[in-house]
Protein backbone atom coordinates (compact mmCIF):
# COMPACT_ATOMS: atom_id res chain seq x y z
CA MET A 1 -36.61 36.94 -3.44
CA LEU A 2 -36.17 38.70 -0.08
CA GLY A 3 -39.97 39.90 0.08
CA ALA A 4 -40.84 36.85 -0.20
CA LEU A 5 -38.15 34.75 2.43
CA ILE A 6 -39.17 38.04 4.71
CA ILE A 7 -43.40 37.34 4.35
CA VAL A 8 -43.34 33.45 4.85
CA PHE A 9 -40.30 33.82 8.63
CA ARG A 10 -43.19 36.13 9.96
CA GLU A 11 -46.21 34.14 9.01
CA VAL A 12 -44.48 30.73 9.48
CA ILE A 13 -43.28 32.11 13.16
CA GLU A 14 -46.43 32.05 14.37
CA ALA A 15 -47.90 29.27 13.73
CA GLY A 16 -44.15 27.94 14.90
CA ILE A 17 -44.39 29.36 17.97
CA ILE A 18 -47.50 27.86 18.65
CA VAL A 19 -46.56 24.23 17.53
CA GLY A 20 -42.98 24.34 19.50
CA ILE A 21 -45.61 25.12 22.78
CA THR A 22 -47.72 22.59 22.16
CA MET A 23 -44.75 20.22 21.82
CA ALA A 24 -43.34 21.26 24.71
CA VAL A 25 -46.72 20.88 26.99
CA THR A 26 -47.68 17.26 25.66
CA ARG A 27 -44.27 16.24 26.59
CA GLY A 28 -44.73 12.49 28.01
CA VAL A 29 -48.22 12.00 26.31
CA PRO A 30 -47.72 8.80 24.11
CA GLY A 31 -48.76 9.10 20.71
CA ARG A 32 -47.83 13.47 20.62
CA GLY A 33 -46.02 13.10 17.73
CA ARG A 34 -48.88 12.02 16.09
CA TYR A 35 -51.38 13.77 16.61
CA ILE A 36 -49.44 17.00 16.56
CA GLY A 37 -47.95 16.01 12.96
CA ALA A 38 -51.50 15.32 11.87
CA GLY A 39 -52.71 18.79 12.86
CA VAL A 40 -49.62 20.15 10.50
CA ALA A 41 -50.37 18.18 8.00
CA VAL A 42 -54.57 18.89 8.10
CA GLY A 43 -53.31 22.56 8.11
CA VAL A 44 -51.30 22.89 4.95
CA ILE A 45 -53.88 20.72 3.01
CA GLY A 46 -56.20 23.11 4.74
CA ALA A 47 -54.52 26.09 3.85
CA CYS A 48 -53.92 24.93 -0.02
CA VAL A 49 -57.60 24.89 -0.43
CA VAL A 50 -57.97 28.10 1.46
CA GLY A 51 -55.64 29.60 -0.66
CA ALA A 52 -57.17 27.55 -4.07
CA PHE A 53 -60.51 29.47 -3.06
CA ILE A 54 -59.12 33.09 -1.49
CA ASN A 55 -61.07 34.98 -4.10
CA THR A 56 -64.62 32.66 -3.50
CA ILE A 57 -64.37 32.83 0.61
CA SER A 58 -63.14 36.34 0.36
CA ASN A 59 -66.21 37.83 -1.54
CA ALA A 60 -68.55 36.09 0.01
CA PHE A 61 -71.10 37.40 2.81
CA GLU A 62 -70.89 40.66 0.96
CA GLY A 63 -67.19 40.71 1.12
CA VAL A 64 -66.79 39.83 4.25
CA GLY A 65 -66.45 36.57 4.13
CA GLN A 66 -62.57 36.32 4.68
CA GLU A 67 -63.06 38.35 7.94
CA LEU A 68 -65.81 35.89 9.03
CA PHE A 69 -64.19 33.05 8.05
CA ASN A 70 -60.45 34.08 10.16
CA ALA A 71 -62.83 34.94 13.08
CA GLY A 72 -64.87 31.61 12.82
CA ILE A 73 -61.61 29.75 13.11
CA LEU A 74 -59.83 31.22 15.98
CA SER A 75 -62.62 30.99 18.06
CA VAL A 76 -62.64 27.43 17.71
CA ALA A 77 -58.87 27.31 18.54
CA VAL A 78 -59.82 29.35 21.37
CA VAL A 79 -62.22 26.77 22.76
CA MET A 80 -59.61 23.66 22.12
CA LEU A 81 -57.19 25.77 23.99
CA ILE A 82 -59.42 26.67 27.16
CA TRP A 83 -60.82 22.58 26.90
CA HIS A 84 -56.73 22.15 27.10
CA ASN A 85 -56.08 24.33 30.17
CA VAL A 86 -58.75 22.89 31.76
CA TRP A 87 -58.29 19.01 31.30
CA MET A 88 -54.31 19.78 32.41
CA ALA A 89 -54.87 21.83 35.50
CA ARG A 90 -57.07 18.75 36.66
CA HIS A 91 -54.62 16.08 35.41
CA GLY A 92 -51.30 17.64 35.41
CA ARG A 93 -50.33 16.70 38.52
CA GLU A 94 -51.43 13.11 37.43
CA ILE A 95 -49.61 13.49 34.27
CA ALA A 96 -46.30 14.84 36.33
CA THR A 97 -46.22 12.18 38.80
CA GLU A 98 -46.88 9.24 36.22
CA MET A 99 -44.56 10.78 33.73
CA ARG A 100 -41.95 8.09 33.98
CA LYS A 101 -43.95 4.90 34.57
CA ALA A 102 -46.36 5.55 31.24
CA GLY A 103 -49.67 5.32 33.71
CA GLU A 104 -53.25 5.57 33.27
CA ALA A 105 -53.15 9.59 33.82
CA VAL A 106 -50.89 9.86 30.85
CA ARG A 107 -52.24 7.20 28.27
CA SER A 108 -55.64 9.43 28.77
CA GLY A 109 -54.39 12.34 27.85
CA ALA A 110 -55.35 11.32 24.10
CA SER A 111 -58.70 13.78 24.59
CA THR A 112 -56.25 16.69 25.37
CA LEU A 113 -53.63 16.12 22.43
CA ALA A 114 -56.66 15.92 19.79
CA SER A 115 -58.09 19.93 20.67
CA LEU A 116 -53.84 20.61 20.36
CA ALA A 117 -54.08 19.30 17.15
CA VAL A 118 -57.47 21.32 16.30
CA VAL A 119 -55.00 24.24 17.44
CA VAL A 120 -52.13 23.32 15.49
CA ALA A 121 -54.18 22.81 12.30
CA ILE A 122 -56.06 25.92 12.33
CA ALA A 123 -52.37 28.01 13.37
CA VAL A 124 -50.95 26.10 9.90
CA LEU A 125 -53.80 26.42 8.02
CA ARG A 126 -54.58 30.07 8.71
CA GLU A 127 -50.93 30.99 8.85
CA GLY A 128 -50.50 28.71 5.21
CA ALA A 129 -53.18 31.21 3.83
CA GLU A 130 -52.17 34.13 4.18
CA VAL A 131 -48.55 33.10 2.91
CA ALA A 132 -50.24 31.60 -0.25
CA LEU A 133 -52.05 34.99 -0.03
CA PHE A 134 -49.42 37.21 -0.36
CA LEU A 135 -46.79 35.51 -2.18
CA TYR A 136 -49.83 35.15 -4.76
CA GLY A 137 -49.84 38.81 -4.70
CA ILE A 138 -46.39 39.45 -5.12
CA LEU A 139 -45.95 36.73 -8.29
CA ILE A 140 -48.66 38.73 -10.10
CA ALA A 141 -46.66 41.94 -9.41
CA SER A 142 -43.29 40.83 -9.94
CA GLU A 143 -41.81 40.34 -13.64
CA PRO A 144 -41.59 37.22 -15.91
CA GLY A 145 -39.56 34.51 -14.81
CA SER A 146 -38.76 35.52 -11.34
CA GLY A 147 -40.78 32.64 -9.76
CA THR A 148 -37.64 30.81 -8.92
CA SER A 149 -36.28 33.34 -6.38
CA LEU A 150 -39.69 33.62 -5.04
CA LEU A 151 -39.48 29.99 -4.31
CA LEU A 152 -36.18 30.09 -2.92
CA GLY A 153 -37.15 33.29 -0.56
CA GLY A 154 -40.35 31.01 0.25
CA VAL A 155 -37.89 27.69 1.33
CA ILE A 156 -35.12 30.09 3.68
CA GLY A 157 -38.12 31.84 4.88
CA LEU A 158 -39.77 28.57 6.09
CA ALA A 159 -36.27 26.69 7.34
CA LEU A 160 -36.05 29.95 9.42
CA GLY A 161 -39.35 29.49 10.50
CA ALA A 162 -38.53 26.40 11.29
CA ALA A 163 -35.61 27.29 13.40
CA VAL A 164 -37.58 29.57 15.47
CA THR A 165 -40.37 26.01 16.34
CA ALA A 166 -37.02 24.02 17.49
CA LEU A 167 -35.64 26.95 19.58
CA THR A 168 -38.93 27.56 21.23
CA TYR A 169 -39.60 23.72 21.87
CA VAL A 170 -35.96 23.98 23.20
CA GLY A 171 -36.05 26.22 25.10
CA LEU A 172 -39.22 25.05 26.75
CA MET A 173 -37.53 21.99 27.65
CA ARG A 174 -35.04 23.47 29.75
CA ILE A 175 -37.33 24.59 32.14
CA PRO A 176 -37.93 21.95 34.75
CA SER A 177 -40.71 19.36 34.36
CA ARG A 178 -42.31 20.65 37.88
CA TYR A 179 -42.60 24.29 36.56
CA LEU A 180 -43.05 23.00 32.71
CA PHE A 181 -46.79 22.81 32.78
CA GLY A 182 -47.30 26.37 35.07
CA VAL A 183 -45.37 28.04 32.25
CA THR A 184 -46.60 26.63 29.16
CA SER A 185 -50.27 26.76 30.91
CA ALA A 186 -49.84 30.55 31.13
CA LEU A 187 -48.46 31.12 27.70
CA ILE A 188 -51.40 28.77 26.66
CA ALA A 189 -54.00 31.20 28.57
CA LEU A 190 -52.41 34.18 26.76
CA LEU A 191 -52.57 32.93 23.57
CA ALA A 192 -55.66 31.93 23.97
CA ALA A 193 -56.69 35.62 25.04
CA GLY A 194 -54.68 36.99 21.99
CA LEU A 195 -56.69 34.94 19.54
CA ALA A 196 -60.01 35.62 21.33
CA ALA A 197 -59.27 39.47 20.43
CA GLN A 198 -58.04 38.61 16.87
CA ALA A 199 -61.12 36.85 16.73
CA VAL A 200 -63.12 40.41 17.45
CA GLY A 201 -60.76 42.28 15.55
CA PHE A 202 -61.66 40.41 12.12
CA LEU A 203 -65.49 41.15 13.74
CA GLU A 204 -64.64 44.52 14.29
CA GLN A 205 -63.15 44.67 10.22
CA ALA A 206 -66.56 43.31 8.98
CA ASP A 207 -68.50 45.74 11.10
CA ILE A 208 -70.57 42.54 12.88
CA VAL A 209 -69.21 43.76 16.58
CA THR A 210 -69.74 47.72 16.68
CA ALA A 211 -69.79 48.59 20.59
CA LEU A 212 -66.62 49.62 22.43
CA SER A 213 -65.01 50.34 19.18
CA THR A 214 -62.49 53.18 20.38
CA GLN A 215 -59.04 52.90 20.28
CA LEU A 216 -57.41 52.53 24.14
CA TRP A 217 -53.76 52.88 22.86
CA ASP A 218 -51.54 53.35 19.59
CA SER A 219 -48.15 52.32 19.94
CA SER A 220 -46.75 51.45 16.37
CA TYR A 221 -44.43 53.85 16.66
CA ILE A 222 -42.55 52.30 19.43
CA LEU A 223 -43.48 48.61 18.47
CA SER A 224 -45.37 47.75 15.48
CA ASP A 225 -47.27 44.22 15.75
CA THR A 226 -46.41 43.31 11.75
CA SER A 227 -42.73 43.69 12.57
CA ILE A 228 -40.96 40.35 13.74
CA LEU A 229 -40.68 41.07 17.58
CA GLY A 230 -44.35 42.16 17.43
CA LYS A 231 -45.50 38.98 15.11
CA VAL A 232 -43.77 37.03 18.04
CA LEU A 233 -45.58 39.20 20.70
CA HIS A 234 -48.56 39.16 19.13
CA THR A 235 -48.79 35.55 18.91
CA LEU A 236 -47.10 34.90 22.38
CA ILE A 237 -49.01 37.07 24.43
CA GLY A 238 -51.99 38.98 21.76
CA TYR A 239 -49.79 41.92 21.46
CA ASN A 240 -51.55 44.57 19.41
CA ASP A 241 -50.28 48.44 18.98
CA HIS A 242 -53.67 49.42 18.69
CA PRO A 243 -56.63 47.78 20.23
CA SER A 244 -60.08 48.20 20.40
CA ALA A 245 -61.93 48.78 23.68
CA MET A 246 -64.07 45.72 22.69
CA GLN A 247 -60.98 43.95 22.12
CA GLY A 248 -59.29 44.81 25.22
CA LEU A 249 -62.88 43.28 27.57
CA ILE A 250 -62.90 40.23 25.63
CA TYR A 251 -58.99 39.62 26.01
CA LEU A 252 -59.41 40.34 30.01
CA ALA A 253 -62.92 38.45 29.77
CA THR A 254 -61.08 35.53 28.33
CA LEU A 255 -58.16 35.32 30.32
CA ALA A 256 -60.96 35.89 33.60
CA VAL A 257 -63.05 32.75 32.11
CA MET A 258 -60.38 30.47 31.56
CA VAL A 259 -58.66 30.95 35.44
CA SER A 260 -62.14 30.26 36.67
CA LEU A 261 -62.85 27.04 35.11
CA MET A 262 -58.98 25.93 36.06
CA ARG A 263 -59.71 26.60 39.13
CA LEU A 264 -62.80 25.20 39.44
CA PHE A 265 -61.71 22.17 38.22
CA ALA A 266 -58.50 21.82 39.70
CA HIS A 267 -59.79 20.88 42.77
CA GLN A 268 -62.25 18.55 42.13
CA PRO A 269 -60.12 15.45 41.70
CA VAL A 270 -58.73 16.20 45.71
CA VAL A 271 -62.46 16.35 46.47
CA ALA A 272 -63.59 12.86 44.81
CA GLN A 273 -59.89 11.51 46.66
CA ARG A 274 -61.11 13.01 50.10
CA ALA A 275 -64.93 11.09 49.38
CA ALA A 276 -63.54 7.95 48.65
């Protein structure tokens, strides 16, 4: 039971933190619950499907199908997060101004809600598939009749992970609205950079990316990225206890691209206004 509890909790907090950030950053946008709820539902269904075909996926492409699958869905998530931050850089002030009035700027938030719903679905799908894989491994190795304790441990782990999601959301909601967009944009930028680095890590495992494979550091003896705190930092800022030089480069490049695009598009409404 303890093993299932720890595994489910560790995986759920990764998806849960992303859900909490997503709920906070879309405060004031009507329909956010439907979009994010749909993202969670699609992710759960997808995780069940992936779990059912995990062996087929793992054995695809000469045994590196799982790595390619993970890299692919993470890359989609990175693109969606970049799109959201660029959109927020352009419309964030309008949303903050119209939050109480529910004006056109808020109603037009459906486009960024859709992108974040995709990110939520991917997060739930990825972590849910890992939960299914790990629990299946534990069940095979366990004694007959241990399924009940395994289920109980999983339910408790899920509840604890949901509590972390709620705490993330409540903590972000305590930030004044004039600072909320800035804080969440920074969190999303770090999240996207971390996901991009993880995607490269999977491609390195599949021997598709081989350049700059030198290890930058090894901090596993200080804080392992498989520990609870390591998992949280892994999700929030992309912490890795032994990244390669390529992962570090991609991390910084993703941040640079996102910041550049945000600055570029942040000035466009102002220019348009002056021109008018």
